[in-house]
Amino acid sequence: MVEPDYLRFALALVAELKPHSLIAVGDAAEALARTYQQQAQCDVVTLPPGSTALPSSARYDLALLLGRWDRAGRVDAATLLSRLRDVHARRLLASLASDSVFQHGDLIGHGLTSLGHFNGPEGDVELFEFDIATYKTTPDWLNSKNWANPQFFDKYRW
């Protein structure tokens, strides 16, 4: 079987990130995690698709949600995504298939950024990423030069 383009892209991204630990949810995520584990020393924890039981306090460098990771239903999948994003992983990589319970706007609403759209034999798949370091860019006005109206320092006394 030929590996889909989005999985090749995801594997290249994982290899570039070089995580020491990762958690994989979904059939494609498990296969990708095992492939990466053969290439590099990495601790891998896998959860079956549809599972919502997460380790209580474990923290991972990367969470992979690839393939049919949303089989638990919309509410449980959203809870899993949010918990992985907020508590258990530093970075998150998720796929969105055309037959998913989520839509593009749902994952954007969870703070994920689209990495690309891939067409394959299984249908259209979009890949998303969450990284807290790049989640919010600092606006131009938010800097110490513009605070407290410095142009009025010599003109008015407060």
N, C-alpha and C. Protein backbone atom coordinates (compact mmCIF):
# COMPACT_ATOMS: atom_id res chain seq x y z
N MET A 1 0.83 -1.19 0.00
CA MET A 1 0.00 0.00 0.00
C MET A 1 0.88 1.25 0.00
N VAL A 2 0.52 2.21 -0.81
CA VAL A 2 1.27 3.44 -0.92
C VAL A 2 0.89 4.36 0.24
N GLU A 3 1.88 4.94 0.86
CA GLU A 3 1.65 5.85 1.98
C GLU A 3 1.09 7.17 1.47
N PRO A 4 0.02 7.67 2.08
CA PRO A 4 -0.55 8.95 1.63
C PRO A 4 0.43 10.11 1.81
N ASP A 5 0.24 11.14 0.98
CA ASP A 5 1.14 12.31 1.01
C ASP A 5 1.16 12.99 2.37
N TYR A 6 0.01 13.09 3.01
CA TYR A 6 -0.03 13.80 4.29
C TYR A 6 0.77 13.05 5.35
N LEU A 7 0.82 11.71 5.27
CA LEU A 7 1.62 10.95 6.25
C LEU A 7 3.11 11.11 5.98
N ARG A 8 3.49 11.18 4.71
CA ARG A 8 4.91 11.45 4.41
C ARG A 8 5.32 12.82 4.90
N PHE A 9 4.43 13.80 4.70
CA PHE A 9 4.69 15.16 5.19
C PHE A 9 4.78 15.17 6.72
N ALA A 10 3.85 14.47 7.37
CA ALA A 10 3.83 14.41 8.83
C ALA A 10 5.08 13.72 9.37
N LEU A 11 5.53 12.64 8.73
CA LEU A 11 6.73 11.95 9.17
C LEU A 11 7.95 12.84 9.03
N ALA A 12 8.04 13.59 7.94
CA ALA A 12 9.15 14.53 7.76
C ALA A 12 9.12 15.61 8.83
N LEU A 13 7.94 16.09 9.18
CA LEU A 13 7.80 17.10 10.22
C LEU A 13 8.19 16.55 11.58
N VAL A 14 7.77 15.33 11.88
CA VAL A 14 8.13 14.69 13.16
C VAL A 14 9.64 14.47 13.22
N ALA A 15 10.24 14.04 12.13
CA ALA A 15 11.69 13.84 12.11
C ALA A 15 12.43 15.16 12.31
N GLU A 16 11.88 16.24 11.79
CA GLU A 16 12.49 17.56 11.98
C GLU A 16 12.36 18.05 13.42
N LEU A 17 11.23 17.74 14.07
CA LEU A 17 11.00 18.17 15.45
C LEU A 17 11.82 17.36 16.45
N LYS A 18 12.13 16.12 16.12
CA LYS A 18 12.92 15.21 16.96
C LYS A 18 12.38 15.09 18.39
N PRO A 19 11.12 14.67 18.53
CA PRO A 19 10.57 14.52 19.89
C PRO A 19 11.19 13.32 20.60
N HIS A 20 11.32 13.44 21.92
CA HIS A 20 11.83 12.33 22.73
C HIS A 20 10.69 11.45 23.23
N SER A 21 9.49 12.01 23.24
CA SER A 21 8.32 11.24 23.64
C SER A 21 7.13 11.72 22.83
N LEU A 22 6.27 10.78 22.47
CA LEU A 22 5.06 11.18 21.75
C LEU A 22 3.92 10.26 22.08
N ILE A 23 2.73 10.79 21.94
CA ILE A 23 1.50 10.03 22.14
C ILE A 23 0.75 10.03 20.82
N ALA A 24 0.29 8.86 20.42
CA ALA A 24 -0.35 8.70 19.12
C ALA A 24 -1.78 8.21 19.32
N VAL A 25 -2.72 8.90 18.68
CA VAL A 25 -4.13 8.52 18.72
C VAL A 25 -4.60 8.36 17.29
N GLY A 26 -5.11 7.19 16.97
CA GLY A 26 -5.58 6.91 15.61
C GLY A 26 -4.70 5.89 14.93
N ASP A 27 -5.26 5.22 13.96
CA ASP A 27 -4.53 4.16 13.28
C ASP A 27 -3.32 4.68 12.51
N ALA A 28 -3.48 5.77 11.79
CA ALA A 28 -2.36 6.33 11.03
C ALA A 28 -1.30 6.90 11.97
N ALA A 29 -1.72 7.47 13.09
CA ALA A 29 -0.77 8.03 14.05
C ALA A 29 0.09 6.93 14.66
N GLU A 30 -0.52 5.80 14.96
CA GLU A 30 0.23 4.68 15.54
C GLU A 30 1.27 4.16 14.55
N ALA A 31 0.89 4.02 13.29
CA ALA A 31 1.83 3.55 12.27
C ALA A 31 2.98 4.55 12.09
N LEU A 32 2.65 5.83 12.07
CA LEU A 32 3.69 6.85 11.92
C LEU A 32 4.61 6.87 13.14
N ALA A 33 4.05 6.71 14.33
CA ALA A 33 4.86 6.71 15.55
C ALA A 33 5.81 5.52 15.57
N ARG A 34 5.34 4.37 15.16
CA ARG A 34 6.21 3.17 15.11
C ARG A 34 7.32 3.35 14.07
N THR A 35 6.99 3.95 12.94
CA THR A 35 8.01 4.21 11.91
C THR A 35 9.07 5.16 12.44
N TYR A 36 8.65 6.22 13.12
CA TYR A 36 9.60 7.17 13.69
C TYR A 36 10.42 6.52 14.80
N GLN A 37 9.80 5.65 15.58
CA GLN A 37 10.51 5.00 16.68
C GLN A 37 11.63 4.10 16.14
N GLN A 38 11.45 3.53 14.96
CA GLN A 38 12.51 2.73 14.35
C GLN A 38 13.68 3.59 13.90
N GLN A 39 13.42 4.85 13.55
CA GLN A 39 14.46 5.76 13.07
C GLN A 39 15.21 6.44 14.21
N ALA A 40 14.53 6.70 15.32
CA ALA A 40 15.12 7.46 16.41
C ALA A 40 14.69 6.89 17.75
N GLN A 41 15.49 7.15 18.76
CA GLN A 41 15.15 6.72 20.13
C GLN A 41 14.02 7.61 20.64
N CYS A 42 12.86 7.01 20.89
CA CYS A 42 11.69 7.79 21.27
C CYS A 42 10.74 6.92 22.07
N ASP A 43 10.18 7.49 23.13
CA ASP A 43 9.14 6.80 23.90
C ASP A 43 7.80 7.05 23.21
N VAL A 44 7.07 5.99 22.93
CA VAL A 44 5.80 6.10 22.22
C VAL A 44 4.69 5.49 23.06
N VAL A 45 3.62 6.23 23.23
CA VAL A 45 2.40 5.74 23.87
C VAL A 45 1.31 5.83 22.83
N THR A 46 0.57 4.75 22.64
CA THR A 46 -0.51 4.76 21.66
C THR A 46 -1.85 4.56 22.36
N LEU A 47 -2.84 5.24 21.85
CA LEU A 47 -4.21 5.07 22.31
C LEU A 47 -5.03 4.59 21.13
N PRO A 48 -5.93 3.64 21.34
CA PRO A 48 -6.75 3.17 20.22
C PRO A 48 -7.71 4.27 19.75
N PRO A 49 -8.08 4.26 18.48
CA PRO A 49 -9.04 5.25 17.99
C PRO A 49 -10.33 5.18 18.80
N GLY A 50 -10.84 6.32 19.16
CA GLY A 50 -12.06 6.38 19.95
C GLY A 50 -11.82 6.38 21.44
N SER A 51 -10.58 6.19 21.86
CA SER A 51 -10.26 6.19 23.28
C SER A 51 -10.18 7.61 23.81
N THR A 52 -10.67 7.82 25.01
CA THR A 52 -10.59 9.14 25.63
C THR A 52 -9.83 9.07 26.95
N ALA A 53 -9.35 7.89 27.32
CA ALA A 53 -8.62 7.73 28.58
C ALA A 53 -7.17 8.12 28.38
N LEU A 54 -6.77 9.22 29.03
CA LEU A 54 -5.40 9.69 28.93
C LEU A 54 -4.67 9.45 30.23
N PRO A 55 -3.34 9.27 30.16
CA PRO A 55 -2.57 9.17 31.39
C PRO A 55 -2.76 10.44 32.21
N SER A 56 -2.85 10.32 33.51
CA SER A 56 -3.25 11.45 34.36
C SER A 56 -2.27 12.62 34.33
N SER A 57 -0.98 12.36 34.42
CA SER A 57 -0.06 13.49 34.53
C SER A 57 1.10 13.43 33.54
N ALA A 58 1.04 12.56 32.59
CA ALA A 58 2.14 12.42 31.63
C ALA A 58 2.19 13.61 30.70
N ARG A 59 3.40 14.00 30.31
CA ARG A 59 3.61 15.12 29.39
C ARG A 59 4.49 14.61 28.25
N TYR A 60 4.11 14.93 27.03
CA TYR A 60 4.81 14.44 25.84
C TYR A 60 5.30 15.61 25.00
N ASP A 61 6.35 15.37 24.24
CA ASP A 61 6.86 16.40 23.35
C ASP A 61 5.90 16.64 22.18
N LEU A 62 5.22 15.60 21.74
CA LEU A 62 4.36 15.70 20.56
C LEU A 62 3.17 14.77 20.69
N ALA A 63 2.02 15.26 20.30
CA ALA A 63 0.80 14.43 20.21
C ALA A 63 0.41 14.32 18.75
N LEU A 64 0.17 13.11 18.30
CA LEU A 64 -0.24 12.85 16.93
C LEU A 64 -1.69 12.40 16.92
N LEU A 65 -2.53 13.09 16.20
CA LEU A 65 -3.93 12.72 16.02
C LEU A 65 -4.14 12.55 14.52
N LEU A 66 -3.86 11.37 14.02
CA LEU A 66 -3.88 11.13 12.57
C LEU A 66 -4.77 9.94 12.25
N GLY A 67 -5.37 9.99 11.08
CA GLY A 67 -6.28 8.92 10.68
C GLY A 67 -7.64 9.16 11.30
N ARG A 68 -8.29 8.09 11.73
CA ARG A 68 -9.63 8.19 12.33
C ARG A 68 -9.52 8.32 13.85
N TRP A 69 -9.01 9.44 14.32
CA TRP A 69 -8.83 9.68 15.75
C TRP A 69 -10.10 10.18 16.41
N ASP A 70 -11.09 10.56 15.63
CA ASP A 70 -12.31 11.17 16.18
C ASP A 70 -13.49 10.20 16.22
N ARG A 71 -13.23 8.91 16.33
CA ARG A 71 -14.30 7.91 16.34
C ARG A 71 -15.15 7.95 17.60
N ALA A 72 -14.69 8.58 18.65
CA ALA A 72 -15.43 8.60 19.92
C ALA A 72 -16.65 9.50 19.85
N GLY A 73 -16.77 10.28 18.81
CA GLY A 73 -17.87 11.23 18.71
C GLY A 73 -17.34 12.64 18.87
N ARG A 74 -18.15 13.59 18.51
CA ARG A 74 -17.72 14.99 18.46
C ARG A 74 -17.31 15.55 19.83
N VAL A 75 -18.11 15.33 20.85
CA VAL A 75 -17.82 15.90 22.16
C VAL A 75 -16.58 15.24 22.78
N ASP A 76 -16.51 13.92 22.74
CA ASP A 76 -15.37 13.21 23.32
C ASP A 76 -14.08 13.52 22.56
N ALA A 77 -14.17 13.62 21.22
CA ALA A 77 -12.99 13.94 20.43
C ALA A 77 -12.50 15.36 20.71
N ALA A 78 -13.43 16.29 20.88
CA ALA A 78 -13.05 17.67 21.21
C ALA A 78 -12.41 17.74 22.59
N THR A 79 -12.92 16.96 23.53
CA THR A 79 -12.33 16.90 24.87
C THR A 79 -10.92 16.32 24.81
N LEU A 80 -10.75 15.26 24.03
CA LEU A 80 -9.43 14.65 23.87
C LEU A 80 -8.45 15.63 23.24
N LEU A 81 -8.87 16.30 22.18
CA LEU A 81 -8.03 17.28 21.51
C LEU A 81 -7.62 18.41 22.47
N SER A 82 -8.57 18.94 23.20
CA SER A 82 -8.29 20.04 24.13
C SER A 82 -7.38 19.59 25.26
N ARG A 83 -7.60 18.41 25.78
CA ARG A 83 -6.77 17.92 26.89
C ARG A 83 -5.33 17.67 26.43
N LEU A 84 -5.18 17.09 25.26
CA LEU A 84 -3.82 16.89 24.72
C LEU A 84 -3.14 18.23 24.48
N ARG A 85 -3.86 19.17 23.91
CA ARG A 85 -3.30 20.49 23.59
C ARG A 85 -2.91 21.25 24.86
N ASP A 86 -3.76 21.21 25.88
CA ASP A 86 -3.56 22.05 27.06
C ASP A 86 -2.69 21.41 28.13
N VAL A 87 -2.75 20.09 28.28
CA VAL A 87 -2.13 19.45 29.43
C VAL A 87 -1.00 18.50 29.05
N HIS A 88 -1.21 17.67 28.05
CA HIS A 88 -0.33 16.53 27.84
C HIS A 88 0.75 16.69 26.77
N ALA A 89 0.69 17.69 25.93
CA ALA A 89 1.66 17.77 24.83
C ALA A 89 2.14 19.20 24.62
N ARG A 90 3.41 19.31 24.27
CA ARG A 90 3.98 20.61 23.94
C ARG A 90 3.55 21.06 22.54
N ARG A 91 3.46 20.10 21.63
CA ARG A 91 3.01 20.38 20.26
C ARG A 91 1.99 19.32 19.88
N LEU A 92 1.17 19.66 18.91
CA LEU A 92 0.12 18.75 18.48
C LEU A 92 0.04 18.76 16.97
N LEU A 93 -0.13 17.60 16.38
CA LEU A 93 -0.29 17.45 14.94
C LEU A 93 -1.55 16.63 14.71
N ALA A 94 -2.52 17.19 13.97
CA ALA A 94 -3.81 16.52 13.77
C ALA A 94 -4.19 16.55 12.30
N SER A 95 -4.88 15.49 11.89
CA SER A 95 -5.40 15.43 10.52
C SER A 95 -6.91 15.59 10.55
N LEU A 96 -7.43 16.13 9.47
CA LEU A 96 -8.87 16.32 9.33
C LEU A 96 -9.27 15.73 7.99
N ALA A 97 -9.97 14.60 8.03
CA ALA A 97 -10.43 13.95 6.81
C ALA A 97 -11.75 14.55 6.36
N SER A 98 -12.11 14.32 5.12
CA SER A 98 -13.35 14.89 4.60
C SER A 98 -14.58 14.28 5.27
N ASP A 99 -14.47 13.08 5.83
CA ASP A 99 -15.61 12.45 6.50
C ASP A 99 -15.52 12.54 8.03
N SER A 100 -14.76 13.48 8.52
CA SER A 100 -14.59 13.66 9.96
C SER A 100 -15.81 14.30 10.60
N VAL A 101 -15.93 14.15 11.92
CA VAL A 101 -17.02 14.81 12.64
C VAL A 101 -16.73 16.31 12.81
N PHE A 102 -15.50 16.71 12.56
CA PHE A 102 -15.11 18.11 12.65
C PHE A 102 -15.07 18.74 11.26
N GLN A 103 -15.08 20.06 11.24
CA GLN A 103 -14.87 20.82 10.01
C GLN A 103 -13.63 21.69 10.21
N HIS A 104 -13.20 22.31 9.15
CA HIS A 104 -12.00 23.16 9.17
C HIS A 104 -12.10 24.20 10.29
N GLY A 105 -13.20 24.89 10.39
CA GLY A 105 -13.38 25.95 11.39
C GLY A 105 -13.33 25.45 12.82
N ASP A 106 -13.71 24.18 13.04
CA ASP A 106 -13.66 23.63 14.39
C ASP A 106 -12.23 23.53 14.90
N LEU A 107 -11.33 23.06 14.05
CA LEU A 107 -9.94 22.94 14.49
C LEU A 107 -9.26 24.30 14.58
N ILE A 108 -9.63 25.23 13.71
CA ILE A 108 -9.13 26.60 13.82
C ILE A 108 -9.61 27.19 15.14
N GLY A 109 -10.84 26.91 15.52
CA GLY A 109 -11.40 27.38 16.77
C GLY A 109 -10.70 26.81 17.99
N HIS A 110 -10.08 25.66 17.85
CA HIS A 110 -9.30 25.07 18.93
C HIS A 110 -7.86 25.60 18.96
N GLY A 111 -7.55 26.54 18.09
CA GLY A 111 -6.24 27.16 18.09
C GLY A 111 -5.22 26.49 17.20
N LEU A 112 -5.63 25.56 16.36
CA LEU A 112 -4.70 24.88 15.48
C LEU A 112 -4.51 25.69 14.20
N THR A 113 -3.37 25.51 13.58
CA THR A 113 -3.01 26.20 12.34
C THR A 113 -2.94 25.19 11.21
N SER A 114 -3.50 25.52 10.07
CA SER A 114 -3.48 24.62 8.93
C SER A 114 -2.08 24.59 8.32
N LEU A 115 -1.58 23.37 8.09
CA LEU A 115 -0.27 23.19 7.46
C LEU A 115 -0.38 22.89 5.98
N GLY A 116 -1.50 22.36 5.56
CA GLY A 116 -1.65 22.05 4.15
C GLY A 116 -2.83 21.14 3.89
N HIS A 117 -3.20 21.08 2.63
CA HIS A 117 -4.33 20.29 2.17
C HIS A 117 -3.78 19.23 1.23
N PHE A 118 -4.14 17.97 1.45
CA PHE A 118 -3.60 16.87 0.66
C PHE A 118 -4.74 16.07 0.05
N ASN A 119 -4.60 15.74 -1.23
CA ASN A 119 -5.56 14.89 -1.92
C ASN A 119 -4.94 13.52 -2.09
N GLY A 120 -5.71 12.50 -1.80
CA GLY A 120 -5.19 11.15 -1.92
C GLY A 120 -6.29 10.17 -2.26
N PRO A 121 -5.93 8.89 -2.34
CA PRO A 121 -6.92 7.88 -2.69
C PRO A 121 -8.03 7.73 -1.64
N GLU A 122 -7.73 8.05 -0.37
CA GLU A 122 -8.74 7.96 0.69
C GLU A 122 -9.64 9.20 0.74
N GLY A 123 -9.31 10.22 0.00
CA GLY A 123 -10.07 11.47 0.01
C GLY A 123 -9.19 12.64 0.40
N ASP A 124 -9.84 13.77 0.65
CA ASP A 124 -9.11 14.98 1.03
C ASP A 124 -8.78 14.95 2.51
N VAL A 125 -7.54 15.34 2.83
CA VAL A 125 -7.09 15.39 4.22
C VAL A 125 -6.38 16.72 4.42
N GLU A 126 -6.70 17.38 5.51
CA GLU A 126 -6.00 18.62 5.87
C GLU A 126 -5.21 18.36 7.15
N LEU A 127 -4.00 18.88 7.20
CA LEU A 127 -3.12 18.68 8.35
C LEU A 127 -3.04 19.96 9.15
N PHE A 128 -3.15 19.84 10.47
CA PHE A 128 -3.14 20.98 11.38
C PHE A 128 -2.05 20.80 12.43
N GLU A 129 -1.60 21.93 12.98
CA GLU A 129 -0.57 21.91 14.01
C GLU A 129 -0.94 22.90 15.10
N PHE A 130 -0.55 22.57 16.34
CA PHE A 130 -0.65 23.52 17.44
C PHE A 130 0.69 23.57 18.12
N ASP A 131 1.22 24.77 18.26
CA ASP A 131 2.47 25.00 18.98
C ASP A 131 2.28 26.28 19.78
N ILE A 132 2.39 26.19 21.08
CA ILE A 132 2.13 27.35 21.92
C ILE A 132 3.11 28.49 21.62
N ALA A 133 4.30 28.16 21.14
CA ALA A 133 5.29 29.19 20.84
C ALA A 133 4.87 30.06 19.65
N THR A 134 4.10 29.51 18.74
CA THR A 134 3.67 30.26 17.57
C THR A 134 2.17 30.48 17.54
N TYR A 135 1.50 30.19 18.64
CA TYR A 135 0.05 30.30 18.69
C TYR A 135 -0.44 31.72 18.44
N LYS A 136 0.14 32.68 19.10
CA LYS A 136 -0.30 34.07 18.96
C LYS A 136 0.90 34.95 18.69
N THR A 137 0.86 35.64 17.60
CA THR A 137 1.92 36.59 17.30
C THR A 137 1.68 37.87 18.09
N THR A 138 2.74 38.51 18.50
CA THR A 138 2.62 39.73 19.28
C THR A 138 2.23 40.89 18.37
N PRO A 139 1.16 41.60 18.70
CA PRO A 139 0.76 42.74 17.86
C PRO A 139 1.81 43.85 17.91
N ASP A 140 1.85 44.65 16.87
CA ASP A 140 2.83 45.72 16.77
C ASP A 140 2.68 46.75 17.88
N TRP A 141 1.46 47.01 18.29
CA TRP A 141 1.23 48.05 19.29
C TRP A 141 1.62 47.60 20.70
N LEU A 142 1.83 46.30 20.90
CA LEU A 142 2.11 45.81 22.24
C LEU A 142 3.62 45.77 22.48
N ASN A 143 4.16 46.93 22.76
CA ASN A 143 5.58 47.02 23.11
C ASN A 143 5.79 48.20 24.05
N SER A 144 6.91 48.25 24.70
CA SER A 144 7.14 49.27 25.72
C SER A 144 7.27 50.68 25.15
N LYS A 145 7.58 50.81 23.86
CA LYS A 145 7.69 52.15 23.26
C LYS A 145 6.36 52.88 23.19
N ASN A 146 5.28 52.14 23.03
CA ASN A 146 3.98 52.77 22.83
C ASN A 146 3.12 52.84 24.08
N TRP A 147 3.61 52.39 25.20
CA TRP A 147 2.80 52.41 26.41
C TRP A 147 2.79 53.81 27.03
N ALA A 148 1.68 54.18 27.59
CA ALA A 148 1.51 55.42 28.35
C ALA A 148 1.73 56.68 27.52
N ASN A 149 1.48 56.64 26.24
CA ASN A 149 1.57 57.81 25.37
C ASN A 149 2.87 58.60 25.55
N PRO A 150 4.00 58.07 25.16
CA PRO A 150 5.28 58.74 25.40
C PRO A 150 5.39 60.10 24.71
N GLN A 151 4.57 60.36 23.68
CA GLN A 151 4.62 61.65 23.00
C GLN A 151 4.14 62.78 23.92
N PHE A 152 3.45 62.47 25.00
CA PHE A 152 2.95 63.48 25.93
C PHE A 152 3.79 63.64 27.19
N PHE A 153 4.90 62.94 27.29
CA PHE A 153 5.69 62.99 28.52
C PHE A 153 6.15 64.41 28.87
N ASP A 154 6.58 65.18 27.88
CA ASP A 154 7.08 66.52 28.13
C ASP A 154 5.99 67.59 28.09
N LYS A 155 4.78 67.24 27.63
CA LYS A 155 3.73 68.23 27.44
C LYS A 155 2.78 68.33 28.65
N TYR A 156 2.47 67.23 29.23
CA TYR A 156 1.46 67.24 30.29
C TYR A 156 2.01 66.60 31.56
N ARG A 157 1.48 67.08 32.65
CA ARG A 157 1.83 66.47 33.93
C ARG A 157 0.61 65.74 34.44
N TRP A 158 0.79 64.48 34.78
CA TRP A 158 -0.34 63.67 35.24
C TRP A 158 -0.49 63.79 36.73
